[in-house]
PDB file of all heavy atoms in Angstrom:
ATOM      1  N   ALA A   1       1.582 -13.342 -17.565  1.00  0.00           N
ATOM      2  CA  ALA A   1       0.427 -12.459 -17.464  1.00  0.00           C
ATOM      3  C   ALA A   1      -0.832 -13.280 -17.675  1.00  0.00           C
ATOM      4  O   ALA A   1      -0.831 -14.241 -18.454  1.00  0.00           O
ATOM      5  CB  ALA A   1       0.500 -11.333 -18.491  1.00  0.00           C
ATOM      6  N   CYS A   2      -1.887 -12.902 -17.004  1.00  0.00           N
ATOM      7  CA  CYS A   2      -3.154 -13.614 -17.174  1.00  0.00           C
ATOM      8  C   CYS A   2      -3.855 -13.205 -18.457  1.00  0.00           C
ATOM      9  O   CYS A   2      -4.531 -14.021 -19.082  1.00  0.00           O
ATOM     10  CB  CYS A   2      -4.067 -13.339 -15.974  1.00  0.00           C
ATOM     11  SG  CYS A   2      -3.443 -13.990 -14.408  1.00  0.00           S
ATOM     12  N   LEU A   3      -3.689 -11.942 -18.868  1.00  0.00           N
ATOM     13  CA  LEU A   3      -4.352 -11.417 -20.050  1.00  0.00           C
ATOM     14  C   LEU A   3      -3.314 -10.829 -20.998  1.00  0.00           C
ATOM     15  O   LEU A   3      -2.490 -10.012 -20.580  1.00  0.00           O
ATOM     16  CB  LEU A   3      -5.360 -10.336 -19.649  1.00  0.00           C
ATOM     17  CG  LEU A   3      -6.226  -9.739 -20.764  1.00  0.00           C
ATOM     18  CD1 LEU A   3      -7.177 -10.790 -21.336  1.00  0.00           C
ATOM     19  CD2 LEU A   3      -7.013  -8.542 -20.243  1.00  0.00           C
ATOM     20  N   SER A   4      -3.372 -11.214 -22.260  1.00  0.00           N
ATOM     21  CA  SER A   4      -2.413 -10.684 -23.228  1.00  0.00           C
ATOM     22  C   SER A   4      -2.829  -9.313 -23.743  1.00  0.00           C
ATOM     23  O   SER A   4      -1.999  -8.536 -24.206  1.00  0.00           O
ATOM     24  CB  SER A   4      -2.254 -11.649 -24.406  1.00  0.00           C
ATOM     25  OG  SER A   4      -3.501 -11.854 -25.056  1.00  0.00           O
ATOM     26  N   GLY A   5      -4.111  -9.016 -23.662  1.00  0.00           N
ATOM     27  CA  GLY A   5      -4.611  -7.729 -24.131  1.00  0.00           C
ATOM     28  C   GLY A   5      -4.892  -6.772 -22.989  1.00  0.00           C
ATOM     29  O   GLY A   5      -4.209  -6.786 -21.968  1.00  0.00           O
ATOM     30  N   ARG A   6      -5.929  -5.944 -23.186  1.00  0.00           N
ATOM     31  CA  ARG A   6      -6.310  -4.947 -22.179  1.00  0.00           C
ATOM     32  C   ARG A   6      -7.757  -5.185 -21.777  1.00  0.00           C
ATOM     33  O   ARG A   6      -8.621  -5.382 -22.637  1.00  0.00           O
ATOM     34  CB  ARG A   6      -6.118  -3.537 -22.732  1.00  0.00           C
ATOM     35  CG  ARG A   6      -4.682  -3.303 -23.177  1.00  0.00           C
ATOM     36  CD  ARG A   6      -4.523  -2.071 -24.060  1.00  0.00           C
ATOM     37  NE  ARG A   6      -3.195  -2.116 -24.671  1.00  0.00           N
ATOM     38  CZ  ARG A   6      -2.958  -2.066 -25.988  1.00  0.00           C
ATOM     39  NH1 ARG A   6      -3.965  -1.937 -26.846  1.00  0.00           N
ATOM     40  NH2 ARG A   6      -1.732  -2.132 -26.447  1.00  0.00           N
ATOM     41  N   ARG A   7      -8.003  -5.141 -20.505  1.00  0.00           N
ATOM     42  CA  ARG A   7      -9.313  -5.491 -19.950  1.00  0.00           C
ATOM     43  C   ARG A   7     -10.463  -4.746 -20.622  1.00  0.00           C
ATOM     44  O   ARG A   7     -11.469  -5.337 -21.015  1.00  0.00           O
ATOM     45  CB  ARG A   7      -9.274  -5.191 -18.453  1.00  0.00           C
ATOM     46  CG  ARG A   7     -10.589  -5.276 -17.716  1.00  0.00           C
ATOM     47  CD  ARG A   7     -10.325  -5.052 -16.248  1.00  0.00           C
ATOM     48  NE  ARG A   7     -11.522  -5.041 -15.431  1.00  0.00           N
ATOM     49  CZ  ARG A   7     -11.487  -5.119 -14.105  1.00  0.00           C
ATOM     50  NH1 ARG A   7     -10.328  -5.206 -13.476  1.00  0.00           N
ATOM     51  NH2 ARG A   7     -12.610  -5.099 -13.411  1.00  0.00           N
ATOM     52  N   TYR A   8     -10.316  -3.440 -20.781  1.00  0.00           N
ATOM     53  CA  TYR A   8     -11.399  -2.593 -21.283  1.00  0.00           C
ATOM     54  C   TYR A   8     -11.592  -2.736 -22.794  1.00  0.00           C
ATOM     55  O   TYR A   8     -12.584  -2.263 -23.333  1.00  0.00           O
ATOM     56  CB  TYR A   8     -11.122  -1.125 -20.926  1.00  0.00           C
ATOM     57  CG  TYR A   8      -9.707  -0.687 -21.193  1.00  0.00           C
ATOM     58  CD1 TYR A   8      -9.325  -0.190 -22.432  1.00  0.00           C
ATOM     59  CD2 TYR A   8      -8.726  -0.811 -20.206  1.00  0.00           C
ATOM     60  CE1 TYR A   8      -8.014   0.183 -22.686  1.00  0.00           C
ATOM     61  CE2 TYR A   8      -7.408  -0.433 -20.450  1.00  0.00           C
ATOM     62  CZ  TYR A   8      -7.067   0.056 -21.693  1.00  0.00           C
ATOM     63  OH  TYR A   8      -5.758   0.420 -21.936  1.00  0.00           O
ATOM     64  N   GLU A   9     -10.651  -3.386 -23.471  1.00  0.00           N
ATOM     65  CA  GLU A   9     -10.793  -3.654 -24.901  1.00  0.00           C
ATOM     66  C   GLU A   9     -11.209  -5.096 -25.181  1.00  0.00           C
ATOM     67  O   GLU A   9     -11.705  -5.413 -26.269  1.00  0.00           O
ATOM     68  CB  GLU A   9      -9.472  -3.382 -25.627  1.00  0.00           C
ATOM     69  CG  GLU A   9      -9.038  -1.926 -25.596  1.00  0.00           C
ATOM     70  CD  GLU A   9      -7.659  -1.696 -26.185  1.00  0.00           C
ATOM     71  OE1 GLU A   9      -6.932  -2.694 -26.426  1.00  0.00           O
ATOM     72  OE2 GLU A   9      -7.306  -0.526 -26.394  1.00  0.00           O
ATOM     73  N   THR A  10     -11.004  -5.985 -24.210  1.00  0.00           N
ATOM     74  CA  THR A  10     -11.211  -7.417 -24.417  1.00  0.00           C
ATOM     75  C   THR A  10     -12.606  -7.882 -24.038  1.00  0.00           C
ATOM     76  O   THR A  10     -13.193  -8.739 -24.710  1.00  0.00           O
ATOM     77  CB  THR A  10     -10.171  -8.223 -23.611  1.00  0.00           C
ATOM     78  OG1 THR A  10      -8.853  -7.789 -23.956  1.00  0.00           O
ATOM     79  CG2 THR A  10     -10.303  -9.710 -23.874  1.00  0.00           C
ATOM     80  N   PHE A  11     -13.171  -7.324 -22.963  1.00  0.00           N
ATOM     81  CA  PHE A  11     -14.422  -7.839 -22.413  1.00  0.00           C
ATOM     82  C   PHE A  11     -15.559  -6.833 -22.558  1.00  0.00           C
ATOM     83  O   PHE A  11     -15.415  -5.664 -22.205  1.00  0.00           O
ATOM     84  CB  PHE A  11     -14.239  -8.209 -20.942  1.00  0.00           C
ATOM     85  CG  PHE A  11     -13.101  -9.162 -20.701  1.00  0.00           C
ATOM     86  CD1 PHE A  11     -11.921  -8.718 -20.111  1.00  0.00           C
ATOM     87  CD2 PHE A  11     -13.191 -10.486 -21.096  1.00  0.00           C
ATOM     88  CE1 PHE A  11     -10.867  -9.587 -19.906  1.00  0.00           C
ATOM     89  CE2 PHE A  11     -12.134 -11.363 -20.901  1.00  0.00           C
ATOM     90  CZ  PHE A  11     -10.964 -10.916 -20.303  1.00  0.00           C
ATOM     91  N   ASP A  12     -16.704  -7.326 -23.058  1.00  0.00           N
ATOM     92  CA  ASP A  12     -17.883  -6.483 -23.255  1.00  0.00           C
ATOM     93  C   ASP A  12     -18.878  -6.590 -22.119  1.00  0.00           C
ATOM     94  O   ASP A  12     -19.784  -5.755 -22.002  1.00  0.00           O
ATOM     95  CB  ASP A  12     -18.595  -6.861 -24.562  1.00  0.00           C
ATOM     96  CG  ASP A  12     -17.736  -6.595 -25.786  1.00  0.00           C
ATOM     97  OD1 ASP A  12     -16.965  -5.621 -25.767  1.00  0.00           O
ATOM     98  OD2 ASP A  12     -17.824  -7.381 -26.754  1.00  0.00           O
ATOM     99  N   THR A  13     -18.739  -7.633 -21.297  1.00  0.00           N
ATOM    100  CA  THR A  13     -19.688  -7.843 -20.200  1.00  0.00           C
ATOM    101  C   THR A  13     -18.947  -8.257 -18.942  1.00  0.00           C
ATOM    102  O   THR A  13     -17.829  -8.797 -18.999  1.00  0.00           O
ATOM    103  CB  THR A  13     -20.701  -8.945 -20.548  1.00  0.00           C
ATOM    104  OG1 THR A  13     -20.003 -10.197 -20.687  1.00  0.00           O
ATOM    105  CG2 THR A  13     -21.447  -8.619 -21.831  1.00  0.00           C
ATOM    106  N   MET A  14     -19.589  -8.047 -17.804  1.00  0.00           N
ATOM    107  CA  MET A  14     -19.008  -8.465 -16.540  1.00  0.00           C
ATOM    108  C   MET A  14     -18.914  -9.988 -16.463  1.00  0.00           C
ATOM    109  O   MET A  14     -17.954 -10.540 -15.919  1.00  0.00           O
ATOM    110  CB  MET A  14     -19.839  -7.928 -15.374  1.00  0.00           C
ATOM    111  CG  MET A  14     -19.317  -8.340 -13.999  1.00  0.00           C
ATOM    112  SD  MET A  14     -17.636  -7.730 -13.661  1.00  0.00           S
ATOM    113  CE  MET A  14     -18.028  -6.042 -13.148  1.00  0.00           C
ATOM    114  N   SER A  15     -19.892 -10.685 -17.027  1.00  0.00           N
ATOM    115  CA  SER A  15     -19.860 -12.150 -16.972  1.00  0.00           C
ATOM    116  C   SER A  15     -18.665 -12.698 -17.743  1.00  0.00           C
ATOM    117  O   SER A  15     -18.035 -13.681 -17.315  1.00  0.00           O
ATOM    118  CB  SER A  15     -21.156 -12.735 -17.532  1.00  0.00           C
ATOM    119  OG  SER A  15     -21.343 -12.370 -18.892  1.00  0.00           O
ATOM    120  N   ALA A  16     -18.313 -12.067 -18.870  1.00  0.00           N
ATOM    121  CA  ALA A  16     -17.136 -12.492 -19.632  1.00  0.00           C
ATOM    122  C   ALA A  16     -15.870 -12.267 -18.826  1.00  0.00           C
ATOM    123  O   ALA A  16     -14.952 -13.103 -18.843  1.00  0.00           O
ATOM    124  CB  ALA A  16     -17.071 -11.740 -20.956  1.00  0.00           C
ATOM    125  N   PHE A  17     -15.801 -11.158 -18.113  1.00  0.00           N
ATOM    126  CA  PHE A  17     -14.639 -10.876 -17.285  1.00  0.00           C
ATOM    127  C   PHE A  17     -14.546 -11.863 -16.119  1.00  0.00           C
ATOM    128  O   PHE A  17     -13.458 -12.343 -15.777  1.00  0.00           O
ATOM    129  CB  PHE A  17     -14.687  -9.444 -16.753  1.00  0.00           C
ATOM    130  CG  PHE A  17     -13.540  -9.094 -15.852  1.00  0.00           C
ATOM    131  CD1 PHE A  17     -12.262  -8.913 -16.361  1.00  0.00           C
ATOM    132  CD2 PHE A  17     -13.728  -8.974 -14.482  1.00  0.00           C
ATOM    133  CE1 PHE A  17     -11.200  -8.612 -15.530  1.00  0.00           C
ATOM    134  CE2 PHE A  17     -12.667  -8.664 -13.646  1.00  0.00           C
ATOM    135  CZ  PHE A  17     -11.399  -8.488 -14.169  1.00  0.00           C
ATOM    136  N   GLN A  18     -15.672 -12.192 -15.511  1.00  0.00           N
ATOM    137  CA  GLN A  18     -15.667 -13.137 -14.397  1.00  0.00           C
ATOM    138  C   GLN A  18     -15.260 -14.536 -14.857  1.00  0.00           C
ATOM    139  O   GLN A  18     -14.599 -15.278 -14.127  1.00  0.00           O
ATOM    140  CB  GLN A  18     -17.050 -13.173 -13.726  1.00  0.00           C
ATOM    141  CG  GLN A  18     -17.429 -11.891 -13.004  1.00  0.00           C
ATOM    142  CD  GLN A  18     -16.496 -11.565 -11.852  1.00  0.00           C
ATOM    143  OE1 GLN A  18     -15.757 -12.417 -11.356  1.00  0.00           O
ATOM    144  NE2 GLN A  18     -16.506 -10.314 -11.411  1.00  0.00           N
ATOM    145  N   ASP A  19     -15.643 -14.888 -16.083  1.00  0.00           N
ATOM    146  CA  ASP A  19     -15.207 -16.166 -16.647  1.00  0.00           C
ATOM    147  C   ASP A  19     -13.690 -16.172 -16.834  1.00  0.00           C
ATOM    148  O   ASP A  19     -13.016 -17.169 -16.531  1.00  0.00           O
ATOM    149  CB  ASP A  19     -15.914 -16.413 -17.979  1.00  0.00           C
ATOM    150  CG  ASP A  19     -15.531 -17.748 -18.602  1.00  0.00           C
ATOM    151  OD1 ASP A  19     -15.743 -18.793 -17.963  1.00  0.00           O
ATOM    152  OD2 ASP A  19     -15.009 -17.738 -19.737  1.00  0.00           O
ATOM    153  N   PHE A  20     -13.150 -15.061 -17.335  1.00  0.00           N
ATOM    154  CA  PHE A  20     -11.696 -14.920 -17.457  1.00  0.00           C
ATOM    155  C   PHE A  20     -11.020 -15.032 -16.096  1.00  0.00           C
ATOM    156  O   PHE A  20      -9.981 -15.690 -15.959  1.00  0.00           O
ATOM    157  CB  PHE A  20     -11.380 -13.570 -18.102  1.00  0.00           C
ATOM    158  CG  PHE A  20     -10.001 -13.042 -17.802  1.00  0.00           C
ATOM    159  CD1 PHE A  20      -8.873 -13.605 -18.381  1.00  0.00           C
ATOM    160  CD2 PHE A  20      -9.833 -11.971 -16.918  1.00  0.00           C
ATOM    161  CE1 PHE A  20      -7.599 -13.124 -18.088  1.00  0.00           C
ATOM    162  CE2 PHE A  20      -8.571 -11.482 -16.633  1.00  0.00           C
ATOM    163  CZ  PHE A  20      -7.453 -12.053 -17.215  1.00  0.00           C
ATOM    164  N   ARG A  21     -11.589 -14.417 -15.082  1.00  0.00           N
ATOM    165  CA  ARG A  21     -11.015 -14.481 -13.736  1.00  0.00           C
ATOM    166  C   ARG A  21     -10.949 -15.927 -13.254  1.00  0.00           C
ATOM    167  O   ARG A  21      -9.915 -16.370 -12.728  1.00  0.00           O
ATOM    168  CB  ARG A  21     -11.844 -13.643 -12.769  1.00  0.00           C
ATOM    169  CG  ARG A  21     -11.349 -13.672 -11.323  1.00  0.00           C
ATOM    170  CD  ARG A  21     -12.265 -12.865 -10.413  1.00  0.00           C
ATOM    171  NE  ARG A  21     -11.795 -12.877  -9.031  1.00  0.00           N
ATOM    172  CZ  ARG A  21     -12.044 -13.847  -8.157  1.00  0.00           C
ATOM    173  NH1 ARG A  21     -12.766 -14.902  -8.542  1.00  0.00           N
ATOM    174  NH2 ARG A  21     -11.580 -13.774  -6.921  1.00  0.00           N
ATOM    175  N   ALA A  22     -12.030 -16.674 -13.419  1.00  0.00           N
ATOM    176  CA  ALA A  22     -12.054 -18.074 -12.977  1.00  0.00           C
ATOM    177  C   ALA A  22     -11.013 -18.906 -13.723  1.00  0.00           C
ATOM    178  O   ALA A  22     -10.314 -19.739 -13.123  1.00  0.00           O
ATOM    179  CB  ALA A  22     -13.454 -18.656 -13.190  1.00  0.00           C
ATOM    180  N   LYS A  23     -10.878 -18.679 -15.032  1.00  0.00           N
ATOM    181  CA  LYS A  23      -9.880 -19.421 -15.812  1.00  0.00           C
ATOM    182  C   LYS A  23      -8.459 -19.037 -15.406  1.00  0.00           C
ATOM    183  O   LYS A  23      -7.561 -19.888 -15.380  1.00  0.00           O
ATOM    184  CB  LYS A  23     -10.097 -19.156 -17.297  1.00  0.00           C
ATOM    185  CG  LYS A  23     -11.354 -19.804 -17.853  1.00  0.00           C
ATOM    186  CD  LYS A  23     -11.549 -19.497 -19.328  1.00  0.00           C
ATOM    187  CE  LYS A  23     -12.803 -20.163 -19.875  1.00  0.00           C
ATOM    188  NZ  LYS A  23     -13.048 -19.830 -21.300  1.00  0.00           N
ATOM    189  N   SER A  24      -8.247 -17.772 -15.081  1.00  0.00           N
ATOM    190  CA  SER A  24      -6.918 -17.327 -14.649  1.00  0.00           C
ATOM    191  C   SER A  24      -6.519 -17.982 -13.337  1.00  0.00           C
ATOM    192  O   SER A  24      -5.374 -18.427 -13.176  1.00  0.00           O
ATOM    193  CB  SER A  24      -6.907 -15.797 -14.488  1.00  0.00           C
ATOM    194  OG  SER A  24      -7.146 -15.152 -15.716  1.00  0.00           O
ATOM    195  N   ILE A  25      -7.452 -18.055 -12.410  1.00  0.00           N
ATOM    196  CA  ILE A  25      -7.171 -18.699 -11.129  1.00  0.00           C
ATOM    197  C   ILE A  25      -6.859 -20.168 -11.328  1.00  0.00           C
ATOM    198  O   ILE A  25      -5.919 -20.721 -10.728  1.00  0.00           O
ATOM    199  CB  ILE A  25      -8.358 -18.509 -10.167  1.00  0.00           C
ATOM    200  CG1 ILE A  25      -8.479 -17.035  -9.770  1.00  0.00           C
ATOM    201  CG2 ILE A  25      -8.196 -19.385  -8.919  1.00  0.00           C
ATOM    202  CD1 ILE A  25      -9.751 -16.699  -9.025  1.00  0.00           C
ATOM    203  N   ASN A  26      -7.616 -20.822 -12.187  1.00  0.00           N
ATOM    204  CA  ASN A  26      -7.352 -22.234 -12.472  1.00  0.00           C
ATOM    205  C   ASN A  26      -5.973 -22.415 -13.098  1.00  0.00           C
ATOM    206  O   ASN A  26      -5.233 -23.349 -12.743  1.00  0.00           O
ATOM    207  CB  ASN A  26      -8.423 -22.785 -13.408  1.00  0.00           C
ATOM    208  CG  ASN A  26      -8.245 -24.267 -13.686  1.00  0.00           C
ATOM    209  OD1 ASN A  26      -8.304 -25.093 -12.775  1.00  0.00           O
ATOM    210  ND2 ASN A  26      -8.002 -24.607 -14.938  1.00  0.00           N
ATOM    211  N   SER A  27      -5.602 -21.514 -14.022  1.00  0.00           N
ATOM    212  CA  SER A  27      -4.278 -21.596 -14.660  1.00  0.00           C
ATOM    213  C   SER A  27      -3.165 -21.456 -13.632  1.00  0.00           C
ATOM    214  O   SER A  27      -2.156 -22.176 -13.683  1.00  0.00           O
ATOM    215  CB  SER A  27      -4.143 -20.511 -15.737  1.00  0.00           C
ATOM    216  OG  SER A  27      -4.967 -20.778 -16.839  1.00  0.00           O
ATOM    217  N   LEU A  28      -3.326 -20.525 -12.713  1.00  0.00           N
ATOM    218  CA  LEU A  28      -2.313 -20.327 -11.679  1.00  0.00           C
ATOM    219  C   LEU A  28      -2.242 -21.530 -10.736  1.00  0.00           C
ATOM    220  O   LEU A  28      -1.152 -21.912 -10.295  1.00  0.00           O
ATOM    221  CB  LEU A  28      -2.609 -19.055 -10.889  1.00  0.00           C
ATOM    222  CG  LEU A  28      -2.368 -17.753 -11.657  1.00  0.00           C
ATOM    223  CD1 LEU A  28      -2.947 -16.564 -10.895  1.00  0.00           C
ATOM    224  CD2 LEU A  28      -0.877 -17.541 -11.903  1.00  0.00           C
ATOM    225  N   LYS A  29      -3.369 -22.129 -10.452  1.00  0.00           N
ATOM    226  CA  LYS A  29      -3.373 -23.322  -9.604  1.00  0.00           C
ATOM    227  C   LYS A  29      -2.695 -24.501 -10.301  1.00  0.00           C
ATOM    228  O   LYS A  29      -2.050 -25.338  -9.647  1.00  0.00           O
ATOM    229  CB  LYS A  29      -4.806 -23.682  -9.215  1.00  0.00           C
ATOM    230  CG  LYS A  29      -5.413 -22.732  -8.185  1.00  0.00           C
ATOM    231  CD  LYS A  29      -6.816 -23.150  -7.786  1.00  0.00           C
ATOM    232  CE  LYS A  29      -7.365 -22.261  -6.691  1.00  0.00           C
ATOM    233  NZ  LYS A  29      -8.752 -22.645  -6.294  1.00  0.00           N
ATOM    234  N   LEU A  30      -2.823 -24.570 -11.619  1.00  0.00           N
ATOM    235  CA  LEU A  30      -2.125 -25.613 -12.371  1.00  0.00           C
ATOM    236  C   LEU A  30      -0.626 -25.343 -12.423  1.00  0.00           C
ATOM    237  O   LEU A  30       0.190 -26.267 -12.350  1.00  0.00           O
ATOM    238  CB  LEU A  30      -2.678 -25.672 -13.805  1.00  0.00           C
ATOM    239  CG  LEU A  30      -4.077 -26.255 -13.997  1.00  0.00           C
ATOM    240  CD1 LEU A  30      -4.529 -26.051 -15.437  1.00  0.00           C
ATOM    241  CD2 LEU A  30      -4.108 -27.738 -13.637  1.00  0.00           C
ATOM    242  N   ALA A  31      -0.262 -24.074 -12.544  1.00  0.00           N
ATOM    243  CA  ALA A  31       1.149 -23.709 -12.693  1.00  0.00           C
ATOM    244  C   ALA A  31       1.929 -23.822 -11.389  1.00  0.00           C
ATOM    245  O   ALA A  31       3.121 -24.164 -11.411  1.00  0.00           O
ATOM    246  CB  ALA A  31       1.248 -22.279 -13.227  1.00  0.00           C
ATOM    247  N   GLU A  32       1.286 -23.548 -10.270  1.00  0.00           N
ATOM    248  CA  GLU A  32       2.013 -23.447  -8.998  1.00  0.00           C
ATOM    249  C   GLU A  32       2.782 -24.720  -8.630  1.00  0.00           C
ATOM    250  O   GLU A  32       3.972 -24.627  -8.268  1.00  0.00           O
ATOM    251  CB  GLU A  32       1.043 -23.063  -7.874  1.00  0.00           C
ATOM    252  CG  GLU A  32       1.724 -22.607  -6.598  1.00  0.00           C
ATOM    253  CD  GLU A  32       2.203 -23.749  -5.700  1.00  0.00           C
ATOM    254  OE1 GLU A  32       1.641 -24.862  -5.838  1.00  0.00           O
ATOM    255  OE2 GLU A  32       3.114 -23.527  -4.874  1.00  0.00           O
ATOM    256  N   PRO A  33       2.201 -25.916  -8.711  1.00  0.00           N
ATOM    257  CA  PRO A  33       2.977 -27.118  -8.343  1.00  0.00           C
ATOM    258  C   PRO A  33       4.192 -27.326  -9.246  1.00  0.00           C
ATOM    259  O   PRO A  33       5.213 -27.861  -8.810  1.00  0.00           O
ATOM    260  CB  PRO A  33       1.962 -28.256  -8.509  1.00  0.00           C
ATOM    261  CG  PRO A  33       0.628 -27.598  -8.414  1.00  0.00           C
ATOM    262  CD  PRO A  33       0.800 -26.254  -9.026  1.00  0.00           C
ATOM    263  N   VAL A  34       4.088 -26.896 -10.502  1.00  0.00           N
ATOM    264  CA  VAL A  34       5.194 -27.071 -11.453  1.00  0.00           C
ATOM    265  C   VAL A  34       6.365 -26.182 -11.065  1.00  0.00           C
ATOM    266  O   VAL A  34       7.512 -26.641 -10.965  1.00  0.00           O
ATOM    267  CB  VAL A  34       4.736 -26.757 -12.893  1.00  0.00           C
ATOM    268  CG1 VAL A  34       5.924 -26.859 -13.856  1.00  0.00           C
ATOM    269  CG2 VAL A  34       3.623 -27.700 -13.320  1.00  0.00           C
ATOM    270  N   VAL A  35       6.106 -24.896 -10.858  1.00  0.00           N
ATOM    271  CA  VAL A  35       7.201 -23.983 -10.526  1.00  0.00           C
ATOM    272  C   VAL A  35       7.762 -24.287  -9.134  1.00  0.00           C
ATOM    273  O   VAL A  35       8.967 -24.122  -8.897  1.00  0.00           O
ATOM    274  CB  VAL A  35       6.761 -22.503 -10.643  1.00  0.00           C
ATOM    275  CG1 VAL A  35       6.409 -22.175 -12.091  1.00  0.00           C
ATOM    276  CG2 VAL A  35       5.598 -22.165  -9.708  1.00  0.00           C
TER     277      VAL A  35
END
């Protein structure tokens, strides 16, 4: 899972959520060659 919690409880601003989105995409790009 990209997020261990819940979106509406974790993020107070759209910019914080967009930062999470960018980090999630990077994590998946790192994971894909391994799997």
